[in-house]
């Protein structure tokens, strides 16, 4: 029987890379994204996918999504996220709520809506947080707080859903070489990240996807409630001091 995976934020970046890797594993993938045009473009060349344009921050939209998906799904990847960075003093409540609505409300709403299907399949959930969930940084008061919430939400879900055989884990990507990141990161920023990361490079979208798909597989059948930093060692460096390396 073909496994059905649902991936939110599937139109680009880590979500699209994860979709493609699930397809290589023989899954059917329900691709969810609120960017209708980009979702159509991403899904067009793929087979065994069902694109569904929904906003995961909208409870009514999520309820409709769950009713329309011909499941039962056995894998859920809560990847949809809003990256909005800025100084605390310039972060309006509207910006704060927009980040929380997508990044934290979304994984709560989608997982809750698909609980009957996940219980039926003894499925696996992976929530995508960020290295910003594990270490603070400037300009990320809303983003980092939302992702820290995702990391703890993962533990809450894992503890409550374990009795049904549902596993829930969290992946915390470090700096990743996405088109968006490369468009906004100056050479100084790139150099600083390379200095601070023990592996001296950004991650690739495919590398994050590999961790996600592995956590959803039977090879990780006794792993739940965990936060996996896929970050080239970035979290482990503390304050860094790259000048002392040599």
C-alpha atoms as a PDB file:
ATOM      1  CA  UNK A   1       0.000   0.000   0.000  1.00  0.00           C
ATOM      2  CA  UNK A   2       1.393   3.410  -0.979  1.00  0.00           C
ATOM      3  CA  UNK A   3       2.175   5.656   1.962  1.00  0.00           C
ATOM      4  CA  UNK A   4       0.656   9.121   1.829  1.00  0.00           C
ATOM      5  CA  UNK A   5       2.743  12.015   3.112  1.00  0.00           C
ATOM      6  CA  UNK A   6       1.444  15.530   3.632  1.00  0.00           C
ATOM      7  CA  UNK A   7       3.996  18.348   3.466  1.00  0.00           C
ATOM      8  CA  UNK A   8       3.111  21.960   4.226  1.00  0.00           C
ATOM      9  CA  UNK A   9       5.099  24.791   2.705  1.00  0.00           C
ATOM     10  CA  UNK A  10       5.782  22.385  -0.144  1.00  0.00           C
ATOM     11  CA  UNK A  11       6.105  24.842  -3.016  1.00  0.00           C
ATOM     12  CA  UNK A  12       9.759  25.723  -2.483  1.00  0.00           C
ATOM     13  CA  UNK A  13      12.882  25.241  -0.407  1.00  0.00           C
ATOM     14  CA  UNK A  14      13.028  22.522   2.223  1.00  0.00           C
ATOM     15  CA  UNK A  15       9.384  21.605   1.669  1.00  0.00           C
ATOM     16  CA  UNK A  16       9.891  20.951  -2.030  1.00  0.00           C
ATOM     17  CA  UNK A  17      13.126  19.044  -1.415  1.00  0.00           C
ATOM     18  CA  UNK A  18      11.305  16.894   1.142  1.00  0.00           C
ATOM     19  CA  UNK A  19       8.464  16.292  -1.293  1.00  0.00           C
ATOM     20  CA  UNK A  20      10.872  15.070  -3.961  1.00  0.00           C
ATOM     21  CA  UNK A  21      12.651  12.753  -1.535  1.00  0.00           C
ATOM     22  CA  UNK A  22       9.360  11.229  -0.373  1.00  0.00           C
ATOM     23  CA  UNK A  23       8.496  10.626  -4.035  1.00  0.00           C
ATOM     24  CA  UNK A  24      11.812   8.803  -4.470  1.00  0.00           C
ATOM     25  CA  UNK A  25      10.778   6.643  -1.514  1.00  0.00           C
ATOM     26  CA  UNK A  26       7.571   5.677  -3.352  1.00  0.00           C
ATOM     27  CA  UNK A  27       5.149   7.855  -1.395  1.00  0.00           C
ATOM     28  CA  UNK A  28       2.230   9.863  -2.684  1.00  0.00           C
ATOM     29  CA  UNK A  29       2.638  13.448  -1.473  1.00  0.00           C
ATOM     30  CA  UNK A  30      -0.063  15.969  -0.669  1.00  0.00           C
ATOM     31  CA  UNK A  31       1.632  19.315  -1.289  1.00  0.00           C
ATOM     32  CA  UNK A  32       0.142  22.161   0.749  1.00  0.00           C
ATOM     33  CA  UNK A  33       1.055  25.819   0.288  1.00  0.00           C
ATOM     34  CA  UNK A  34      -0.742  29.167   0.359  1.00  0.00           C
ATOM     35  CA  UNK A  35       1.182  30.471  -2.676  1.00  0.00           C
ATOM     36  CA  UNK A  36      -1.134  29.142  -5.371  1.00  0.00           C
ATOM     37  CA  UNK A  37       0.963  30.059  -8.404  1.00  0.00           C
ATOM     38  CA  UNK A  38       4.227  28.760  -6.959  1.00  0.00           C
ATOM     39  CA  UNK A  39       2.525  25.561  -5.824  1.00  0.00           C
ATOM     40  CA  UNK A  40       1.173  24.942  -9.314  1.00  0.00           C
ATOM     41  CA  UNK A  41       4.625  25.506 -10.833  1.00  0.00           C
ATOM     42  CA  UNK A  42       6.311  23.197  -8.335  1.00  0.00           C
ATOM     43  CA  UNK A  43       3.762  20.411  -8.699  1.00  0.00           C
ATOM     44  CA  UNK A  44       3.455  20.516 -12.508  1.00  0.00           C
ATOM     45  CA  UNK A  45       6.540  18.407 -13.370  1.00  0.00           C
ATOM     46  CA  UNK A  46       5.979  15.909 -10.530  1.00  0.00           C
ATOM     47  CA  UNK A  47       4.022  12.668 -10.507  1.00  0.00           C
ATOM     48  CA  UNK A  48       2.117  11.128  -7.598  1.00  0.00           C
ATOM     49  CA  UNK A  49       1.424  14.475  -5.964  1.00  0.00           C
ATOM     50  CA  UNK A  50      -1.768  16.292  -5.025  1.00  0.00           C
ATOM     51  CA  UNK A  51      -1.310  20.067  -4.753  1.00  0.00           C
ATOM     52  CA  UNK A  52      -3.695  21.703  -2.285  1.00  0.00           C
ATOM     53  CA  UNK A  53      -3.603  25.514  -1.879  1.00  0.00           C
ATOM     54  CA  UNK A  54      -4.462  26.175   1.747  1.00  0.00           C
ATOM     55  CA  UNK A  55      -3.287  28.549   4.467  1.00  0.00           C
ATOM     56  CA  UNK A  56      -2.259  26.545   7.547  1.00  0.00           C
ATOM     57  CA  UNK A  57      -2.781  29.553   9.834  1.00  0.00           C
ATOM     58  CA  UNK A  58      -6.527  29.580   9.054  1.00  0.00           C
ATOM     59  CA  UNK A  59      -8.505  27.092  11.207  1.00  0.00           C
ATOM     60  CA  UNK A  60     -11.373  26.871   8.716  1.00  0.00           C
ATOM     61  CA  UNK A  61      -8.997  26.268   5.820  1.00  0.00           C
ATOM     62  CA  UNK A  62      -7.210  23.531   7.758  1.00  0.00           C
ATOM     63  CA  UNK A  63     -10.522  21.844   8.595  1.00  0.00           C
ATOM     64  CA  UNK A  64     -11.459  21.900   4.909  1.00  0.00           C
ATOM     65  CA  UNK A  65      -8.056  20.512   3.969  1.00  0.00           C
ATOM     66  CA  UNK A  66      -8.430  17.589   6.360  1.00  0.00           C
ATOM     67  CA  UNK A  67     -11.898  16.836   4.998  1.00  0.00           C
ATOM     68  CA  UNK A  68     -10.692  16.879   1.390  1.00  0.00           C
ATOM     69  CA  UNK A  69      -7.520  14.811   1.691  1.00  0.00           C
ATOM     70  CA  UNK A  70      -8.161  11.243   0.623  1.00  0.00           C
ATOM     71  CA  UNK A  71      -6.051   9.557   3.241  1.00  0.00           C
ATOM     72  CA  UNK A  72      -5.283   8.206   5.570  1.00  0.00           C
ATOM     73  CA  UNK A  73      -1.943   9.964   5.703  1.00  0.00           C
ATOM     74  CA  UNK A  74       0.866   8.221   7.544  1.00  0.00           C
ATOM     75  CA  UNK A  75       3.365  11.084   7.432  1.00  0.00           C
ATOM     76  CA  UNK A  76       2.901  14.761   8.258  1.00  0.00           C
ATOM     77  CA  UNK A  77       5.646  17.361   7.832  1.00  0.00           C
ATOM     78  CA  UNK A  78       4.741  20.754   9.291  1.00  0.00           C
ATOM     79  CA  UNK A  79       7.187  22.856   7.300  1.00  0.00           C
ATOM     80  CA  UNK A  80       5.224  26.000   6.377  1.00  0.00           C
ATOM     81  CA  UNK A  81       6.810  29.037   7.953  1.00  0.00           C
ATOM     82  CA  UNK A  82       7.042  32.799   7.782  1.00  0.00           C
ATOM     83  CA  UNK A  83      10.524  34.326   8.033  1.00  0.00           C
ATOM     84  CA  UNK A  84      10.062  37.878   9.249  1.00  0.00           C
ATOM     85  CA  UNK A  85      13.143  39.438  10.839  1.00  0.00           C
ATOM     86  CA  UNK A  86      13.533  42.835  12.450  1.00  0.00           C
ATOM     87  CA  UNK A  87      14.494  44.691  15.623  1.00  0.00           C
ATOM     88  CA  UNK A  88      12.254  44.169  18.640  1.00  0.00           C
ATOM     89  CA  UNK A  89      11.388  47.871  18.748  1.00  0.00           C
ATOM     90  CA  UNK A  90      10.130  47.724  15.156  1.00  0.00           C
ATOM     91  CA  UNK A  91       8.177  44.469  15.487  1.00  0.00           C
ATOM     92  CA  UNK A  92       4.539  45.477  15.580  1.00  0.00           C
ATOM     93  CA  UNK A  93       1.959  43.230  17.204  1.00  0.00           C
ATOM     94  CA  UNK A  94       0.552  42.558  13.725  1.00  0.00           C
ATOM     95  CA  UNK A  95       3.949  41.248  12.541  1.00  0.00           C
ATOM     96  CA  UNK A  96       4.310  39.215  15.743  1.00  0.00           C
ATOM     97  CA  UNK A  97       0.892  37.619  15.283  1.00  0.00           C
ATOM     98  CA  UNK A  98       1.482  36.892  11.590  1.00  0.00           C
ATOM     99  CA  UNK A  99       4.660  34.961  12.451  1.00  0.00           C
ATOM    100  CA  UNK A 100       3.003  33.084  15.309  1.00  0.00           C
ATOM    101  CA  UNK A 101      -0.068  32.267  13.222  1.00  0.00           C
ATOM    102  CA  UNK A 102       1.889  30.472  10.519  1.00  0.00           C
ATOM    103  CA  UNK A 103       4.891  29.139  12.432  1.00  0.00           C
ATOM    104  CA  UNK A 104       3.227  27.962  15.650  1.00  0.00           C
ATOM    105  CA  UNK A 105      -0.538  27.907  15.145  1.00  0.00           C
ATOM    106  CA  UNK A 106      -0.062  26.077  11.829  1.00  0.00           C
ATOM    107  CA  UNK A 107       1.644  22.941  13.221  1.00  0.00           C
ATOM    108  CA  UNK A 108      -0.896  22.832  16.054  1.00  0.00           C
ATOM    109  CA  UNK A 109      -3.911  23.162  13.762  1.00  0.00           C
ATOM    110  CA  UNK A 110      -2.728  20.769  11.044  1.00  0.00           C
ATOM    111  CA  UNK A 111      -1.611  18.039  13.441  1.00  0.00           C
ATOM    112  CA  UNK A 112      -4.857  18.292  15.377  1.00  0.00           C
ATOM    113  CA  UNK A 113      -6.954  18.138  12.204  1.00  0.00           C
ATOM    114  CA  UNK A 114      -5.180  15.009  10.954  1.00  0.00           C
ATOM    115  CA  UNK A 115      -5.083  13.166  14.285  1.00  0.00           C
ATOM    116  CA  UNK A 116      -7.744  10.613  13.313  1.00  0.00           C
ATOM    117  CA  UNK A 117      -5.761   9.666  10.195  1.00  0.00           C
ATOM    118  CA  UNK A 118      -2.416   9.594  12.014  1.00  0.00           C
ATOM    119  CA  UNK A 119      -3.829   7.414  14.784  1.00  0.00           C
ATOM    120  CA  UNK A 120      -5.258   5.014  12.208  1.00  0.00           C
ATOM    121  CA  UNK A 121      -1.868   4.617  10.514  1.00  0.00           C
ATOM    122  CA  UNK A 122       0.306   4.956  13.652  1.00  0.00           C
ATOM    123  CA  UNK A 123       1.941   7.714  11.687  1.00  0.00           C
ATOM    124  CA  UNK A 124       4.894  10.037  12.081  1.00  0.00           C
ATOM    125  CA  UNK A 125       4.976  13.810  12.395  1.00  0.00           C
ATOM    126  CA  UNK A 126       8.002  16.050  11.880  1.00  0.00           C
ATOM    127  CA  UNK A 127       7.726  19.711  12.820  1.00  0.00           C
ATOM    128  CA  UNK A 128      10.272  22.043  11.257  1.00  0.00           C
ATOM    129  CA  UNK A 129      11.653  24.554  13.742  1.00  0.00           C
ATOM    130  CA  UNK A 130      15.020  26.275  13.347  1.00  0.00           C
ATOM    131  CA  UNK A 131      18.366  26.624  15.016  1.00  0.00           C
ATOM    132  CA  UNK A 132      16.752  29.870  16.222  1.00  0.00           C
ATOM    133  CA  UNK A 133      14.599  27.675  18.477  1.00  0.00           C
ATOM    134  CA  UNK A 134      17.730  26.577  20.332  1.00  0.00           C
ATOM    135  CA  UNK A 135      19.875  29.719  20.431  1.00  0.00           C
ATOM    136  CA  UNK A 136      18.909  33.382  20.426  1.00  0.00           C
ATOM    137  CA  UNK A 137      19.990  35.854  17.791  1.00  0.00           C
ATOM    138  CA  UNK A 138      19.407  39.466  16.875  1.00  0.00           C
ATOM    139  CA  UNK A 139      16.366  40.457  14.792  1.00  0.00           C
ATOM    140  CA  UNK A 140      14.476  37.238  15.569  1.00  0.00           C
ATOM    141  CA  UNK A 141      12.261  38.103  18.506  1.00  0.00           C
ATOM    142  CA  UNK A 142       9.117  36.805  16.778  1.00  0.00           C
ATOM    143  CA  UNK A 143      10.682  34.174  14.537  1.00  0.00           C
ATOM    144  CA  UNK A 144      12.928  32.648  17.197  1.00  0.00           C
ATOM    145  CA  UNK A 145      10.168  32.633  19.803  1.00  0.00           C
ATOM    146  CA  UNK A 146       7.750  30.973  17.396  1.00  0.00           C
ATOM    147  CA  UNK A 147      10.284  28.273  16.540  1.00  0.00           C
ATOM    148  CA  UNK A 148      11.075  27.673  20.227  1.00  0.00           C
ATOM    149  CA  UNK A 149       7.341  27.152  20.628  1.00  0.00           C
ATOM    150  CA  UNK A 150       7.401  24.599  17.807  1.00  0.00           C
ATOM    151  CA  UNK A 151      10.199  22.703  19.543  1.00  0.00           C
ATOM    152  CA  UNK A 152       8.208  22.472  22.773  1.00  0.00           C
ATOM    153  CA  UNK A 153       4.956  21.749  20.936  1.00  0.00           C
ATOM    154  CA  UNK A 154       6.757  18.738  19.484  1.00  0.00           C
ATOM    155  CA  UNK A 155       7.453  17.372  22.956  1.00  0.00           C
ATOM    156  CA  UNK A 156       3.866  17.949  24.058  1.00  0.00           C
ATOM    157  CA  UNK A 157       2.539  16.161  20.984  1.00  0.00           C
ATOM    158  CA  UNK A 158       4.971  13.274  21.377  1.00  0.00           C
ATOM    159  CA  UNK A 159       4.046  12.691  25.011  1.00  0.00           C
ATOM    160  CA  UNK A 160       0.312  12.740  24.350  1.00  0.00           C
ATOM    161  CA  UNK A 161       0.251  10.838  21.065  1.00  0.00           C
ATOM    162  CA  UNK A 162       2.752   8.120  21.901  1.00  0.00           C
ATOM    163  CA  UNK A 163       0.050   5.871  23.346  1.00  0.00           C
ATOM    164  CA  UNK A 164      -1.535   5.788  19.889  1.00  0.00           C
ATOM    165  CA  UNK A 165       1.732   4.803  18.228  1.00  0.00           C
ATOM    166  CA  UNK A 166       2.158   8.247  16.676  1.00  0.00           C
ATOM    167  CA  UNK A 167       5.721   9.573  16.741  1.00  0.00           C
ATOM    168  CA  UNK A 168       6.471  13.304  16.715  1.00  0.00           C
ATOM    169  CA  UNK A 169       9.918  14.819  16.238  1.00  0.00           C
ATOM    170  CA  UNK A 170      11.384  18.195  15.372  1.00  0.00           C
ATOM    171  CA  UNK A 171      14.110  19.177  12.903  1.00  0.00           C
ATOM    172  CA  UNK A 172      15.990  22.407  13.568  1.00  0.00           C
ATOM    173  CA  UNK A 173      17.807  23.486  10.397  1.00  0.00           C
ATOM    174  CA  UNK A 174      20.832  25.747  10.626  1.00  0.00           C
ATOM    175  CA  UNK A 175      21.754  28.157   7.832  1.00  0.00           C
ATOM    176  CA  UNK A 176      20.621  26.604   4.543  1.00  0.00           C
ATOM    177  CA  UNK A 177      21.623  27.604   1.028  1.00  0.00           C
ATOM    178  CA  UNK A 178      18.169  28.499  -0.260  1.00  0.00           C
ATOM    179  CA  UNK A 179      17.479  30.994  -3.026  1.00  0.00           C
ATOM    180  CA  UNK A 180      15.959  33.369  -0.490  1.00  0.00           C
ATOM    181  CA  UNK A 181      18.948  33.182   1.864  1.00  0.00           C
ATOM    182  CA  UNK A 182      21.442  33.735  -0.926  1.00  0.00           C
ATOM    183  CA  UNK A 183      19.447  36.721  -2.164  1.00  0.00           C
ATOM    184  CA  UNK A 184      19.585  38.549   1.172  1.00  0.00           C
ATOM    185  CA  UNK A 185      22.839  37.337   2.746  1.00  0.00           C
ATOM    186  CA  UNK A 186      25.763  39.618   1.965  1.00  0.00           C
ATOM    187  CA  UNK A 187      29.248  38.196   1.576  1.00  0.00           C
ATOM    188  CA  UNK A 188      30.067  39.408   5.095  1.00  0.00           C
ATOM    189  CA  UNK A 189      27.128  37.445   6.480  1.00  0.00           C
ATOM    190  CA  UNK A 190      28.101  34.345   4.507  1.00  0.00           C
ATOM    191  CA  UNK A 191      31.689  34.582   5.758  1.00  0.00           C
ATOM    192  CA  UNK A 192      30.516  35.029   9.348  1.00  0.00           C
ATOM    193  CA  UNK A 193      28.295  31.944   9.147  1.00  0.00           C
ATOM    194  CA  UNK A 194      31.095  29.897   7.610  1.00  0.00           C
ATOM    195  CA  UNK A 195      33.388  30.954  10.462  1.00  0.00           C
ATOM    196  CA  UNK A 196      30.799  30.005  13.085  1.00  0.00           C
ATOM    197  CA  UNK A 197      29.834  26.614  11.605  1.00  0.00           C
ATOM    198  CA  UNK A 198      32.284  23.766  12.289  1.00  0.00           C
ATOM    199  CA  UNK A 199      31.653  22.275   8.837  1.00  0.00           C
ATOM    200  CA  UNK A 200      32.419  25.727   7.344  1.00  0.00           C
ATOM    201  CA  UNK A 201      29.460  25.854   4.974  1.00  0.00           C
ATOM    202  CA  UNK A 202      25.738  26.305   4.639  1.00  0.00           C
ATOM    203  CA  UNK A 203      23.518  23.235   4.522  1.00  0.00           C
ATOM    204  CA  UNK A 204      21.724  22.085   1.398  1.00  0.00           C
ATOM    205  CA  UNK A 205      17.955  21.731   1.190  1.00  0.00           C
ATOM    206  CA  UNK A 206      18.390  18.055   0.336  1.00  0.00           C
ATOM    207  CA  UNK A 207      20.416  17.476   3.520  1.00  0.00           C
ATOM    208  CA  UNK A 208      17.568  18.784   5.658  1.00  0.00           C
ATOM    209  CA  UNK A 209      15.095  16.668   3.700  1.00  0.00           C
ATOM    210  CA  UNK A 210      17.178  13.543   4.329  1.00  0.00           C
ATOM    211  CA  UNK A 211      16.858  14.051   8.091  1.00  0.00           C
ATOM    212  CA  UNK A 212      13.112  14.668   7.832  1.00  0.00           C
ATOM    213  CA  UNK A 213      12.420  11.587   5.727  1.00  0.00           C
ATOM    214  CA  UNK A 214      14.616   9.422   7.963  1.00  0.00           C
ATOM    215  CA  UNK A 215      12.673  10.491  11.069  1.00  0.00           C
ATOM    216  CA  UNK A 216       9.470   9.518   9.288  1.00  0.00           C
ATOM    217  CA  UNK A 217      10.798   6.069   8.381  1.00  0.00           C
ATOM    218  CA  UNK A 218      10.752   2.751  10.215  1.00  0.00           C
ATOM    219  CA  UNK A 219      14.488   3.206  10.789  1.00  0.00           C
ATOM    220  CA  UNK A 220      13.531   5.795  13.429  1.00  0.00           C
ATOM    221  CA  UNK A 221      10.717   3.694  14.902  1.00  0.00           C
ATOM    222  CA  UNK A 222      11.811   4.193  18.542  1.00  0.00           C
ATOM    223  CA  UNK A 223      12.540   7.915  18.271  1.00  0.00           C
ATOM    224  CA  UNK A 224       9.955  10.437  19.412  1.00  0.00           C
ATOM    225  CA  UNK A 225       9.900  13.773  21.206  1.00  0.00           C
ATOM    226  CA  UNK A 226      13.349  14.716  19.931  1.00  0.00           C
ATOM    227  CA  UNK A 227      14.821  17.935  18.524  1.00  0.00           C
ATOM    228  CA  UNK A 228      17.424  17.251  15.851  1.00  0.00           C
ATOM    229  CA  UNK A 229      19.681  20.162  14.890  1.00  0.00           C
ATOM    230  CA  UNK A 230      20.746  19.721  11.270  1.00  0.00           C
ATOM    231  CA  UNK A 231      23.177  22.590  11.309  1.00  0.00           C
ATOM    232  CA  UNK A 232      26.759  21.557  10.570  1.00  0.00           C
ATOM    233  CA  UNK A 233      27.547  21.853  14.275  1.00  0.00           C
ATOM    234  CA  UNK A 234      26.392  25.486  14.541  1.00  0.00           C
ATOM    235  CA  UNK A 235      24.561  25.009  17.863  1.00  0.00           C
ATOM    236  CA  UNK A 236      27.562  23.266  19.404  1.00  0.00           C
ATOM    237  CA  UNK A 237      29.922  26.186  18.811  1.00  0.00           C
ATOM    238  CA  UNK A 238      28.544  28.419  21.560  1.00  0.00           C
ATOM    239  CA  UNK A 239      30.055  31.854  21.071  1.00  0.00           C
ATOM    240  CA  UNK A 240      32.430  30.546  18.427  1.00  0.00           C
ATOM    241  CA  UNK A 241      35.808  32.305  18.557  1.00  0.00           C
ATOM    242  CA  UNK A 242      36.773  31.150  15.054  1.00  0.00           C
ATOM    243  CA  UNK A 243      40.161  32.914  15.372  1.00  0.00           C
ATOM    244  CA  UNK A 244      41.233  30.244  17.864  1.00  0.00           C
ATOM    245  CA  UNK A 245      40.633  27.338  15.487  1.00  0.00           C
ATOM    246  CA  UNK A 246      44.079  27.285  13.967  1.00  0.00           C
END
